[in-house]
Amino acid sequence: LRRLGWAGAADLFQTEGARVLELWDALPPDRLAERVLVRRLPGMEDSSRYWSAEMTVEHLVVVGTDLRGVIRSLRAGVVPGRAAQVEDVKPKGGGGAAAVRAAFARLLAEAAADAATDPPVAPGVGPRFAHPWFGPIDAYRWHCLLGIHQGIHRRQLDAIRAGLSPSGTR
């Protein structure tokens, strides 16, 4: 994480986000909601393996929005008052593919705008907030986690694309 740096983490989030959108745009629109069982990827829970592209990107929107809120709070010296729980960031569905894509593009744009104006935070500075797997981590590490997490699910989208049946039947 120290090699990644604050700016590198912001760049990773944007780079992986652009790759997510490329994968999304390469999929047939009528296949975005089709679930595909993918092999377990490092850093991905078993319960997340049977998602569609739409579910995966919805998850990225929920996590990205929540993590950015955690980072803002920790930057202000405030620990969020609720525990981070994996079940809170699972996709709920029902929003529709166009809304999910628009929300993801908006998340990337807002993060880019913040990266251009917000000063970096050094590792180990300020309060910590507990991650469900990693325990208490600071704003710097939450910031780095944004792009790393996005990369895990970009690989999931790639596996979903590869696993879509040619005829649309599974």
N, C-alpha and C. Protein backbone atom coordinates (compact mmCIF):
# COMPACT_ATOMS: atom_id res chain seq x y z
N LEU A 1 0.81 -1.21 0.00
CA LEU A 1 0.00 0.00 0.00
C LEU A 1 0.85 1.26 0.00
N ARG A 2 1.99 1.21 0.67
CA ARG A 2 2.85 2.40 0.69
C ARG A 2 3.44 2.68 -0.69
N ARG A 3 3.71 1.65 -1.45
CA ARG A 3 4.23 1.86 -2.81
C ARG A 3 3.17 2.45 -3.73
N LEU A 4 1.92 2.13 -3.45
CA LEU A 4 0.84 2.63 -4.28
C LEU A 4 0.70 4.14 -4.13
N GLY A 5 0.73 4.63 -2.91
CA GLY A 5 0.62 6.06 -2.65
C GLY A 5 -0.80 6.56 -2.85
N TRP A 6 -1.08 7.75 -2.33
CA TRP A 6 -2.42 8.33 -2.42
C TRP A 6 -2.83 8.57 -3.87
N ALA A 7 -1.97 9.22 -4.64
CA ALA A 7 -2.30 9.51 -6.04
C ALA A 7 -2.38 8.22 -6.86
N GLY A 8 -1.49 7.29 -6.59
CA GLY A 8 -1.53 6.01 -7.30
C GLY A 8 -2.81 5.26 -7.03
N ALA A 9 -3.29 5.32 -5.79
CA ALA A 9 -4.55 4.66 -5.44
C ALA A 9 -5.72 5.31 -6.18
N ALA A 10 -5.71 6.64 -6.27
CA ALA A 10 -6.76 7.35 -7.01
C ALA A 10 -6.71 6.97 -8.50
N ASP A 11 -5.49 6.89 -9.04
CA ASP A 11 -5.34 6.49 -10.44
C ASP A 11 -5.82 5.06 -10.67
N LEU A 12 -5.49 4.16 -9.74
CA LEU A 12 -5.92 2.76 -9.86
C LEU A 12 -7.45 2.67 -9.87
N PHE A 13 -8.10 3.43 -9.00
CA PHE A 13 -9.56 3.44 -8.96
C PHE A 13 -10.12 3.87 -10.32
N GLN A 14 -9.56 4.93 -10.90
CA GLN A 14 -10.04 5.42 -12.20
C GLN A 14 -9.71 4.46 -13.34
N THR A 15 -8.51 3.90 -13.32
CA THR A 15 -8.11 2.95 -14.37
C THR A 15 -8.99 1.71 -14.36
N GLU A 16 -9.18 1.14 -13.17
CA GLU A 16 -10.03 -0.04 -13.07
C GLU A 16 -11.48 0.33 -13.42
N GLY A 17 -11.91 1.51 -13.03
CA GLY A 17 -13.26 1.96 -13.38
C GLY A 17 -13.46 2.07 -14.88
N ALA A 18 -12.47 2.61 -15.57
CA ALA A 18 -12.55 2.71 -17.03
C ALA A 18 -12.61 1.31 -17.65
N ARG A 19 -11.85 0.38 -17.10
CA ARG A 19 -11.87 -1.00 -17.62
C ARG A 19 -13.22 -1.65 -17.36
N VAL A 20 -13.83 -1.37 -16.20
CA VAL A 20 -15.17 -1.88 -15.90
C VAL A 20 -16.15 -1.37 -16.95
N LEU A 21 -16.09 -0.08 -17.26
CA LEU A 21 -17.01 0.47 -18.27
C LEU A 21 -16.77 -0.11 -19.65
N GLU A 22 -15.51 -0.37 -19.99
CA GLU A 22 -15.21 -1.00 -21.29
C GLU A 22 -15.82 -2.39 -21.36
N LEU A 23 -15.67 -3.16 -20.29
CA LEU A 23 -16.26 -4.50 -20.26
C LEU A 23 -17.78 -4.42 -20.35
N TRP A 24 -18.36 -3.51 -19.57
CA TRP A 24 -19.81 -3.32 -19.57
C TRP A 24 -20.30 -3.00 -20.97
N ASP A 25 -19.64 -2.04 -21.62
CA ASP A 25 -20.08 -1.59 -22.95
C ASP A 25 -19.87 -2.65 -24.03
N ALA A 26 -19.00 -3.61 -23.79
CA ALA A 26 -18.76 -4.68 -24.75
C ALA A 26 -19.80 -5.80 -24.63
N LEU A 27 -20.56 -5.81 -23.54
CA LEU A 27 -21.56 -6.85 -23.35
C LEU A 27 -22.86 -6.47 -24.06
N PRO A 28 -23.56 -7.46 -24.60
CA PRO A 28 -24.87 -7.17 -25.19
C PRO A 28 -25.81 -6.65 -24.09
N PRO A 29 -26.52 -5.57 -24.33
CA PRO A 29 -27.39 -5.00 -23.30
C PRO A 29 -28.38 -5.99 -22.70
N ASP A 30 -28.85 -6.94 -23.52
CA ASP A 30 -29.83 -7.91 -23.01
C ASP A 30 -29.19 -9.01 -22.17
N ARG A 31 -27.86 -8.97 -22.01
CA ARG A 31 -27.16 -10.00 -21.22
C ARG A 31 -26.61 -9.43 -19.91
N LEU A 32 -26.77 -8.14 -19.66
CA LEU A 32 -26.19 -7.51 -18.46
C LEU A 32 -26.76 -8.06 -17.16
N ALA A 33 -27.99 -8.56 -17.18
CA ALA A 33 -28.63 -9.09 -15.98
C ALA A 33 -28.49 -10.61 -15.86
N GLU A 34 -27.80 -11.23 -16.81
CA GLU A 34 -27.63 -12.69 -16.79
C GLU A 34 -26.55 -13.09 -15.79
N ARG A 35 -26.94 -13.91 -14.82
CA ARG A 35 -25.98 -14.38 -13.82
C ARG A 35 -25.06 -15.45 -14.40
N VAL A 36 -23.80 -15.39 -13.97
CA VAL A 36 -22.81 -16.37 -14.40
C VAL A 36 -22.03 -16.80 -13.16
N LEU A 37 -21.89 -18.09 -12.96
CA LEU A 37 -21.09 -18.61 -11.86
C LEU A 37 -19.62 -18.59 -12.30
N VAL A 38 -18.80 -17.82 -11.58
CA VAL A 38 -17.38 -17.71 -11.92
C VAL A 38 -16.55 -18.42 -10.87
N ARG A 39 -15.34 -18.80 -11.23
CA ARG A 39 -14.44 -19.40 -10.25
C ARG A 39 -14.15 -18.38 -9.17
N ARG A 40 -13.76 -18.86 -8.02
CA ARG A 40 -13.47 -17.93 -6.93
C ARG A 40 -12.18 -17.19 -7.22
N LEU A 41 -12.26 -15.88 -7.17
CA LEU A 41 -11.10 -15.03 -7.40
C LEU A 41 -10.50 -14.61 -6.07
N PRO A 42 -9.19 -14.41 -6.00
CA PRO A 42 -8.60 -13.93 -4.75
C PRO A 42 -9.26 -12.64 -4.28
N GLY A 43 -9.65 -12.60 -3.02
CA GLY A 43 -10.27 -11.42 -2.45
C GLY A 43 -11.77 -11.34 -2.62
N MET A 44 -12.37 -12.37 -3.21
CA MET A 44 -13.81 -12.36 -3.45
C MET A 44 -14.48 -13.47 -2.63
N GLU A 45 -15.55 -13.10 -1.96
CA GLU A 45 -16.30 -14.07 -1.18
C GLU A 45 -17.01 -15.06 -2.09
N ASP A 46 -17.18 -16.27 -1.57
CA ASP A 46 -17.87 -17.30 -2.32
C ASP A 46 -19.31 -16.88 -2.67
N SER A 47 -19.95 -16.13 -1.78
CA SER A 47 -21.34 -15.71 -2.01
C SER A 47 -21.48 -14.68 -3.13
N SER A 48 -20.36 -14.18 -3.63
CA SER A 48 -20.39 -13.17 -4.71
C SER A 48 -20.07 -13.77 -6.07
N ARG A 49 -19.93 -15.08 -6.15
CA ARG A 49 -19.50 -15.71 -7.39
C ARG A 49 -20.59 -15.84 -8.45
N TYR A 50 -21.85 -15.79 -8.05
CA TYR A 50 -22.94 -16.01 -8.99
C TYR A 50 -23.73 -14.71 -9.19
N TRP A 51 -23.07 -13.76 -9.81
CA TRP A 51 -23.65 -12.44 -10.06
C TRP A 51 -23.65 -12.18 -11.56
N SER A 52 -24.47 -11.22 -11.94
CA SER A 52 -24.49 -10.71 -13.31
C SER A 52 -23.55 -9.50 -13.38
N ALA A 53 -23.31 -9.02 -14.59
CA ALA A 53 -22.54 -7.79 -14.75
C ALA A 53 -23.24 -6.64 -14.03
N GLU A 54 -24.56 -6.57 -14.16
CA GLU A 54 -25.33 -5.51 -13.52
C GLU A 54 -25.18 -5.56 -12.00
N MET A 55 -25.25 -6.76 -11.43
CA MET A 55 -25.09 -6.92 -9.98
C MET A 55 -23.69 -6.51 -9.53
N THR A 56 -22.71 -6.90 -10.32
CA THR A 56 -21.32 -6.60 -9.97
C THR A 56 -21.07 -5.09 -9.95
N VAL A 57 -21.55 -4.39 -10.96
CA VAL A 57 -21.33 -2.94 -11.02
C VAL A 57 -22.18 -2.24 -9.96
N GLU A 58 -23.39 -2.73 -9.69
CA GLU A 58 -24.17 -2.16 -8.59
C GLU A 58 -23.39 -2.28 -7.27
N HIS A 59 -22.77 -3.43 -7.05
CA HIS A 59 -21.95 -3.63 -5.86
C HIS A 59 -20.80 -2.61 -5.82
N LEU A 60 -20.17 -2.38 -6.96
CA LEU A 60 -19.08 -1.39 -7.00
C LEU A 60 -19.58 0.01 -6.65
N VAL A 61 -20.78 0.34 -7.08
CA VAL A 61 -21.36 1.65 -6.75
C VAL A 61 -21.61 1.75 -5.25
N VAL A 62 -22.20 0.72 -4.67
CA VAL A 62 -22.52 0.73 -3.24
C VAL A 62 -21.22 0.81 -2.42
N VAL A 63 -20.26 -0.04 -2.74
CA VAL A 63 -19.00 -0.05 -1.99
C VAL A 63 -18.24 1.26 -2.20
N GLY A 64 -18.13 1.71 -3.44
CA GLY A 64 -17.40 2.95 -3.71
C GLY A 64 -18.01 4.14 -2.99
N THR A 65 -19.33 4.23 -3.00
CA THR A 65 -20.02 5.32 -2.31
C THR A 65 -19.79 5.23 -0.80
N ASP A 66 -19.95 4.03 -0.25
CA ASP A 66 -19.75 3.85 1.19
C ASP A 66 -18.31 4.14 1.60
N LEU A 67 -17.35 3.61 0.86
CA LEU A 67 -15.95 3.81 1.21
C LEU A 67 -15.55 5.28 1.12
N ARG A 68 -16.05 5.96 0.12
CA ARG A 68 -15.74 7.39 0.01
C ARG A 68 -16.32 8.15 1.20
N GLY A 69 -17.48 7.73 1.69
CA GLY A 69 -18.05 8.33 2.89
C GLY A 69 -17.22 8.04 4.12
N VAL A 70 -16.72 6.83 4.23
CA VAL A 70 -15.84 6.46 5.36
C VAL A 70 -14.57 7.31 5.31
N ILE A 71 -13.99 7.44 4.14
CA ILE A 71 -12.76 8.22 3.99
C ILE A 71 -12.99 9.68 4.37
N ARG A 72 -14.09 10.26 3.89
CA ARG A 72 -14.42 11.65 4.26
C ARG A 72 -14.55 11.80 5.77
N SER A 73 -15.24 10.85 6.38
CA SER A 73 -15.45 10.89 7.83
C SER A 73 -14.11 10.79 8.57
N LEU A 74 -13.29 9.84 8.19
CA LEU A 74 -11.99 9.66 8.86
C LEU A 74 -11.08 10.87 8.64
N ARG A 75 -11.14 11.45 7.45
CA ARG A 75 -10.36 12.68 7.18
C ARG A 75 -10.76 13.80 8.14
N ALA A 76 -12.04 13.81 8.52
CA ALA A 76 -12.55 14.83 9.44
C ALA A 76 -12.32 14.45 10.90
N GLY A 77 -11.69 13.29 11.12
CA GLY A 77 -11.40 12.86 12.48
C GLY A 77 -12.54 12.13 13.17
N VAL A 78 -13.53 11.71 12.40
CA VAL A 78 -14.71 11.06 12.96
C VAL A 78 -14.79 9.61 12.48
N VAL A 79 -14.95 8.69 13.44
CA VAL A 79 -15.14 7.29 13.10
C VAL A 79 -16.63 7.07 12.84
N PRO A 80 -16.99 6.47 11.71
CA PRO A 80 -18.42 6.23 11.45
C PRO A 80 -19.06 5.47 12.60
N GLY A 81 -20.32 5.77 12.86
CA GLY A 81 -21.02 5.21 14.01
C GLY A 81 -21.64 3.85 13.78
N ARG A 82 -21.46 3.28 12.62
CA ARG A 82 -22.01 1.95 12.34
C ARG A 82 -20.89 1.03 11.88
N ALA A 83 -21.06 -0.26 12.12
CA ALA A 83 -20.05 -1.23 11.73
C ALA A 83 -20.14 -1.49 10.23
N ALA A 84 -18.99 -1.71 9.59
CA ALA A 84 -18.95 -2.11 8.19
C ALA A 84 -19.27 -3.60 8.12
N GLN A 85 -20.29 -3.95 7.36
CA GLN A 85 -20.71 -5.35 7.25
C GLN A 85 -20.84 -5.74 5.78
N VAL A 86 -20.33 -6.90 5.46
CA VAL A 86 -20.35 -7.39 4.08
C VAL A 86 -21.77 -7.45 3.54
N GLU A 87 -22.72 -7.89 4.34
CA GLU A 87 -24.09 -8.03 3.84
C GLU A 87 -24.72 -6.70 3.44
N ASP A 88 -24.20 -5.60 3.95
CA ASP A 88 -24.74 -4.28 3.61
C ASP A 88 -24.37 -3.81 2.21
N VAL A 89 -23.40 -4.46 1.58
CA VAL A 89 -22.94 -4.00 0.27
C VAL A 89 -23.25 -4.98 -0.86
N LYS A 90 -24.09 -5.96 -0.58
CA LYS A 90 -24.52 -6.90 -1.62
C LYS A 90 -25.51 -6.18 -2.54
N PRO A 91 -25.51 -6.51 -3.84
CA PRO A 91 -26.46 -5.86 -4.75
C PRO A 91 -27.89 -6.22 -4.41
N LYS A 92 -28.77 -5.25 -4.56
CA LYS A 92 -30.19 -5.46 -4.26
C LYS A 92 -31.00 -5.69 -5.53
N GLY A 93 -30.49 -5.17 -6.67
CA GLY A 93 -31.18 -5.32 -7.95
C GLY A 93 -32.37 -4.39 -8.08
N GLY A 94 -32.96 -4.44 -9.24
CA GLY A 94 -34.17 -3.67 -9.48
C GLY A 94 -33.96 -2.27 -10.02
N GLY A 95 -32.72 -1.79 -10.04
CA GLY A 95 -32.47 -0.43 -10.52
C GLY A 95 -32.43 -0.31 -12.03
N GLY A 96 -32.11 -1.39 -12.68
CA GLY A 96 -31.99 -1.37 -14.13
C GLY A 96 -30.58 -1.05 -14.59
N ALA A 97 -30.21 -1.63 -15.71
CA ALA A 97 -28.84 -1.51 -16.22
C ALA A 97 -28.44 -0.06 -16.49
N ALA A 98 -29.32 0.71 -17.10
CA ALA A 98 -28.96 2.10 -17.43
C ALA A 98 -28.68 2.91 -16.16
N ALA A 99 -29.50 2.72 -15.14
CA ALA A 99 -29.30 3.45 -13.89
C ALA A 99 -28.02 3.02 -13.19
N VAL A 100 -27.72 1.73 -13.23
CA VAL A 100 -26.49 1.23 -12.60
C VAL A 100 -25.27 1.80 -13.30
N ARG A 101 -25.26 1.78 -14.63
CA ARG A 101 -24.12 2.32 -15.37
C ARG A 101 -23.96 3.81 -15.10
N ALA A 102 -25.06 4.55 -15.09
CA ALA A 102 -25.00 5.99 -14.83
C ALA A 102 -24.48 6.28 -13.42
N ALA A 103 -24.91 5.50 -12.45
CA ALA A 103 -24.44 5.70 -11.07
C ALA A 103 -22.94 5.40 -10.97
N PHE A 104 -22.48 4.39 -11.70
CA PHE A 104 -21.05 4.06 -11.67
C PHE A 104 -20.24 5.18 -12.33
N ALA A 105 -20.68 5.66 -13.47
CA ALA A 105 -19.98 6.76 -14.14
C ALA A 105 -19.95 8.00 -13.26
N ARG A 106 -21.04 8.27 -12.56
CA ARG A 106 -21.11 9.41 -11.64
C ARG A 106 -20.13 9.23 -10.47
N LEU A 107 -20.04 8.02 -9.95
CA LEU A 107 -19.09 7.71 -8.87
C LEU A 107 -17.66 8.00 -9.32
N LEU A 108 -17.30 7.56 -10.52
CA LEU A 108 -15.96 7.81 -11.04
C LEU A 108 -15.70 9.30 -11.20
N ALA A 109 -16.67 10.03 -11.74
CA ALA A 109 -16.51 11.48 -11.94
C ALA A 109 -16.36 12.21 -10.61
N GLU A 110 -17.17 11.85 -9.62
CA GLU A 110 -17.08 12.49 -8.31
C GLU A 110 -15.74 12.19 -7.64
N ALA A 111 -15.27 10.96 -7.77
CA ALA A 111 -13.98 10.59 -7.18
C ALA A 111 -12.84 11.34 -7.87
N ALA A 112 -12.93 11.49 -9.18
CA ALA A 112 -11.89 12.24 -9.91
C ALA A 112 -11.88 13.70 -9.49
N ALA A 113 -13.05 14.30 -9.31
CA ALA A 113 -13.13 15.69 -8.87
C ALA A 113 -12.53 15.85 -7.48
N ASP A 114 -12.85 14.93 -6.59
CA ASP A 114 -12.28 14.99 -5.23
C ASP A 114 -10.77 14.80 -5.26
N ALA A 115 -10.30 13.89 -6.10
CA ALA A 115 -8.86 13.63 -6.17
C ALA A 115 -8.11 14.88 -6.64
N ALA A 116 -8.75 15.69 -7.46
CA ALA A 116 -8.12 16.91 -7.97
C ALA A 116 -8.04 18.01 -6.93
N THR A 117 -8.89 17.94 -5.89
CA THR A 117 -8.94 19.04 -4.92
C THR A 117 -8.57 18.64 -3.49
N ASP A 118 -8.81 17.41 -3.12
CA ASP A 118 -8.53 16.99 -1.74
C ASP A 118 -7.06 16.67 -1.54
N PRO A 119 -6.45 17.18 -0.48
CA PRO A 119 -5.06 16.84 -0.23
C PRO A 119 -4.93 15.38 0.20
N PRO A 120 -3.79 14.76 -0.08
CA PRO A 120 -3.61 13.36 0.31
C PRO A 120 -3.52 13.22 1.84
N VAL A 121 -3.78 12.00 2.29
CA VAL A 121 -3.66 11.64 3.70
C VAL A 121 -2.50 10.65 3.80
N ALA A 122 -1.66 10.83 4.78
CA ALA A 122 -0.51 9.93 4.97
C ALA A 122 -0.95 8.64 5.67
N PRO A 123 -0.23 7.56 5.42
CA PRO A 123 -0.55 6.31 6.11
C PRO A 123 -0.40 6.47 7.63
N GLY A 124 -1.29 5.83 8.37
CA GLY A 124 -1.18 5.82 9.83
C GLY A 124 -1.67 7.07 10.52
N VAL A 125 -2.21 8.03 9.77
CA VAL A 125 -2.65 9.30 10.34
C VAL A 125 -4.16 9.24 10.58
N GLY A 126 -4.60 9.71 11.73
CA GLY A 126 -6.02 9.83 12.03
C GLY A 126 -6.64 8.57 12.58
N PRO A 127 -7.95 8.65 12.81
CA PRO A 127 -8.66 7.50 13.40
C PRO A 127 -8.77 6.35 12.42
N ARG A 128 -9.15 5.22 12.95
CA ARG A 128 -9.32 4.01 12.14
C ARG A 128 -10.75 3.51 12.26
N PHE A 129 -11.18 2.85 11.21
CA PHE A 129 -12.51 2.27 11.15
C PHE A 129 -12.34 0.81 10.74
N ALA A 130 -13.06 -0.09 11.39
CA ALA A 130 -12.87 -1.52 11.18
C ALA A 130 -13.47 -2.01 9.86
N HIS A 131 -12.63 -2.64 9.07
CA HIS A 131 -13.05 -3.36 7.87
C HIS A 131 -13.44 -4.77 8.33
N PRO A 132 -14.47 -5.39 7.72
CA PRO A 132 -14.90 -6.72 8.17
C PRO A 132 -13.82 -7.80 8.08
N TRP A 133 -12.90 -7.70 7.15
CA TRP A 133 -11.84 -8.70 7.01
C TRP A 133 -10.52 -8.24 7.61
N PHE A 134 -10.19 -6.96 7.48
CA PHE A 134 -8.85 -6.46 7.80
C PHE A 134 -8.74 -5.78 9.15
N GLY A 135 -9.86 -5.59 9.83
CA GLY A 135 -9.83 -4.90 11.12
C GLY A 135 -9.71 -3.39 10.92
N PRO A 136 -9.33 -2.67 11.99
CA PRO A 136 -9.29 -1.21 11.93
C PRO A 136 -8.21 -0.69 10.97
N ILE A 137 -8.65 0.13 10.02
CA ILE A 137 -7.70 0.73 9.07
C ILE A 137 -7.99 2.22 8.94
N ASP A 138 -6.97 2.96 8.55
CA ASP A 138 -7.06 4.42 8.46
C ASP A 138 -7.57 4.86 7.08
N ALA A 139 -7.76 6.16 6.93
CA ALA A 139 -8.29 6.71 5.68
C ALA A 139 -7.40 6.37 4.48
N TYR A 140 -6.09 6.38 4.68
CA TYR A 140 -5.16 6.06 3.61
C TYR A 140 -5.42 4.64 3.09
N ARG A 141 -5.53 3.69 3.99
CA ARG A 141 -5.73 2.30 3.59
C ARG A 141 -7.12 2.09 2.97
N TRP A 142 -8.15 2.77 3.50
CA TRP A 142 -9.47 2.70 2.87
C TRP A 142 -9.40 3.24 1.45
N HIS A 143 -8.66 4.33 1.27
CA HIS A 143 -8.50 4.94 -0.06
C HIS A 143 -7.82 3.95 -1.02
N CYS A 144 -6.78 3.29 -0.57
CA CYS A 144 -6.09 2.30 -1.41
C CYS A 144 -7.01 1.13 -1.73
N LEU A 145 -7.84 0.77 -0.77
CA LEU A 145 -8.75 -0.36 -0.96
C LEU A 145 -9.75 -0.11 -2.08
N LEU A 146 -10.12 1.13 -2.32
CA LEU A 146 -11.08 1.45 -3.39
C LEU A 146 -10.66 0.86 -4.73
N GLY A 147 -9.44 1.15 -5.17
CA GLY A 147 -8.98 0.66 -6.46
C GLY A 147 -8.69 -0.82 -6.47
N ILE A 148 -8.16 -1.34 -5.36
CA ILE A 148 -7.87 -2.77 -5.26
C ILE A 148 -9.18 -3.56 -5.36
N HIS A 149 -10.18 -3.13 -4.63
CA HIS A 149 -11.49 -3.77 -4.66
C HIS A 149 -12.09 -3.70 -6.07
N GLN A 150 -11.97 -2.56 -6.70
CA GLN A 150 -12.50 -2.40 -8.04
C GLN A 150 -11.82 -3.37 -9.02
N GLY A 151 -10.52 -3.58 -8.83
CA GLY A 151 -9.79 -4.52 -9.69
C GLY A 151 -10.27 -5.95 -9.52
N ILE A 152 -10.59 -6.34 -8.30
CA ILE A 152 -11.11 -7.70 -8.05
C ILE A 152 -12.40 -7.90 -8.84
N HIS A 153 -13.29 -6.94 -8.76
CA HIS A 153 -14.58 -7.10 -9.44
C HIS A 153 -14.49 -6.82 -10.93
N ARG A 154 -13.49 -6.10 -11.38
CA ARG A 154 -13.26 -5.97 -12.84
C ARG A 154 -12.86 -7.35 -13.38
N ARG A 155 -12.04 -8.08 -12.62
CA ARG A 155 -11.68 -9.45 -13.04
C ARG A 155 -12.92 -10.35 -13.03
N GLN A 156 -13.82 -10.12 -12.07
CA GLN A 156 -15.07 -10.87 -12.04
C GLN A 156 -15.89 -10.58 -13.30
N LEU A 157 -15.98 -9.31 -13.70
CA LEU A 157 -16.71 -8.95 -14.92
C LEU A 157 -16.10 -9.62 -16.15
N ASP A 158 -14.79 -9.69 -16.18
CA ASP A 158 -14.11 -10.36 -17.29
C ASP A 158 -14.51 -11.84 -17.32
N ALA A 159 -14.56 -12.47 -16.14
CA ALA A 159 -14.97 -13.87 -16.06
C ALA A 159 -16.45 -14.04 -16.43
N ILE A 160 -17.28 -13.10 -16.04
CA ILE A 160 -18.70 -13.14 -16.42
C ILE A 160 -18.82 -13.08 -17.94
N ARG A 161 -18.10 -12.13 -18.55
CA ARG A 161 -18.13 -12.00 -20.01
C ARG A 161 -17.71 -13.31 -20.66
N ALA A 162 -16.64 -13.91 -20.18
CA ALA A 162 -16.15 -15.16 -20.75
C ALA A 162 -17.13 -16.31 -20.53
N GLY A 163 -17.89 -16.24 -19.45
CA GLY A 163 -18.80 -17.33 -19.11
C GLY A 163 -20.19 -17.22 -19.68
N LEU A 164 -20.52 -16.11 -20.32
CA LEU A 164 -21.84 -15.98 -20.91
C LEU A 164 -21.99 -17.00 -22.03
N SER A 165 -23.07 -17.76 -21.98
CA SER A 165 -23.27 -18.77 -23.01
C SER A 165 -23.56 -18.09 -24.35
N PRO A 166 -23.14 -18.71 -25.44
CA PRO A 166 -23.35 -18.10 -26.75
C PRO A 166 -24.81 -17.82 -27.07
N SER A 167 -25.72 -18.69 -26.64
CA SER A 167 -27.13 -18.51 -27.01
C SER A 167 -27.92 -17.76 -25.96
N GLY A 168 -27.30 -17.50 -24.81
CA GLY A 168 -28.03 -16.81 -23.75
C GLY A 168 -28.73 -17.75 -22.80
N THR A 169 -28.58 -19.07 -23.04
CA THR A 169 -29.18 -20.06 -22.12
C THR A 169 -28.08 -20.69 -21.29
N ARG A 170 -28.43 -20.99 -20.08
CA ARG A 170 -27.46 -21.62 -19.17
C ARG A 170 -28.05 -22.89 -18.63
